[in-house]
Protein backbone atom coordinates (compact mmCIF):
# COMPACT_ATOMS: atom_id res chain seq x y z
CA MET A 1 -0.07 -0.18 -0.10
CA HIS A 2 2.80 2.49 1.11
CA LEU A 3 4.42 1.99 -2.42
CA ASN A 4 1.36 2.33 -4.40
CA MET A 5 0.62 5.67 -2.43
CA GLU A 6 4.37 6.98 -3.22
CA LYS A 7 3.95 5.89 -6.80
CA LEU A 8 0.79 7.77 -7.00
CA LEU A 9 2.20 10.97 -5.51
CA THR A 10 5.27 10.64 -7.81
CA GLY A 11 3.03 10.58 -10.77
CA LEU A 12 0.91 13.76 -9.37
CA PHE A 13 4.09 15.63 -8.70
CA ASP A 14 5.38 14.98 -12.41
CA PHE A 15 1.90 15.71 -13.62
CA GLN A 16 2.09 19.35 -11.93
CA LYS A 17 5.58 20.15 -13.71
CA PHE A 18 3.79 20.15 -16.98
CA GLU A 19 -0.04 20.73 -16.49
CA LYS A 20 0.27 23.68 -13.89
CA GLU A 21 -2.93 22.93 -12.42
CA PRO A 22 -4.04 25.42 -9.76
CA ALA A 23 -5.80 23.24 -7.16
CA LEU A 24 -2.93 20.60 -7.22
CA GLN A 25 -0.53 23.39 -6.77
CA SER A 26 -2.62 24.91 -3.78
CA VAL A 27 -2.10 20.98 -2.08
CA ILE A 28 1.42 20.80 -2.98
CA ASP A 29 2.10 24.39 -1.47
CA GLU A 30 0.23 23.67 1.72
CA VAL A 31 2.05 20.42 2.26
CA ASP A 32 5.23 22.15 1.53
CA ALA A 33 4.98 24.89 3.75
CA ARG A 34 3.60 22.40 6.59
CA TYR A 35 6.55 20.02 6.20
CA PHE A 36 9.30 22.67 5.02
CA CYS A 37 13.06 21.28 5.35
CA ALA A 38 15.89 23.86 5.21
CA GLU A 39 19.45 22.83 3.84
CA LEU A 40 21.81 22.73 6.22
CA SER A 41 25.05 24.35 6.08
CA ASP A 42 28.55 22.46 6.49
CA GLY A 43 29.09 23.64 9.78
CA GLU A 44 25.54 22.14 10.97
CA LEU A 45 26.14 18.88 9.06
CA ASP A 46 29.41 18.59 11.04
CA MET A 47 27.61 18.79 14.54
CA LEU A 48 25.16 15.75 12.95
CA SER A 49 25.75 12.07 13.55
CA ALA A 50 23.44 9.46 12.86
CA ALA A 51 24.83 7.10 15.27
CA GLY A 52 25.16 9.75 18.32
CA ASP A 53 28.14 11.42 19.56
CA PRO A 54 30.95 9.14 19.03
CA PHE A 55 33.15 10.85 21.94
CA SER A 56 30.58 10.16 24.85
CA GLN A 57 31.01 7.70 27.27
CA PRO A 58 28.35 5.21 27.61
CA PRO A 59 26.59 4.87 30.61
CA GLY A 60 27.84 2.58 33.45
CA PRO A 61 26.15 -0.23 34.51
CA LYS A 62 22.94 0.10 36.90
CA GLU A 63 23.07 -0.90 40.37
CA SER A 64 20.35 -3.89 39.68
CA ASP A 65 22.76 -5.06 36.85
CA LEU A 66 25.69 -5.41 39.44
CA LYS A 67 23.40 -7.71 41.99
CA THR A 68 23.20 -11.09 40.23
């Protein structure tokens, strides 16, 4: 189902590039305004890490883990 919806949306966006349908453009603009994503600068990208901070220390064992 997810793949079918993705294909449908891709087709509608492709259609809009050529047809310039005002009703469809208003929907696209509304979604774009709701889910706006800004491009990150190189400095901002340097601060990101998908796996977390590689220099942070892992938490120590919990007291409950030490009692066996």
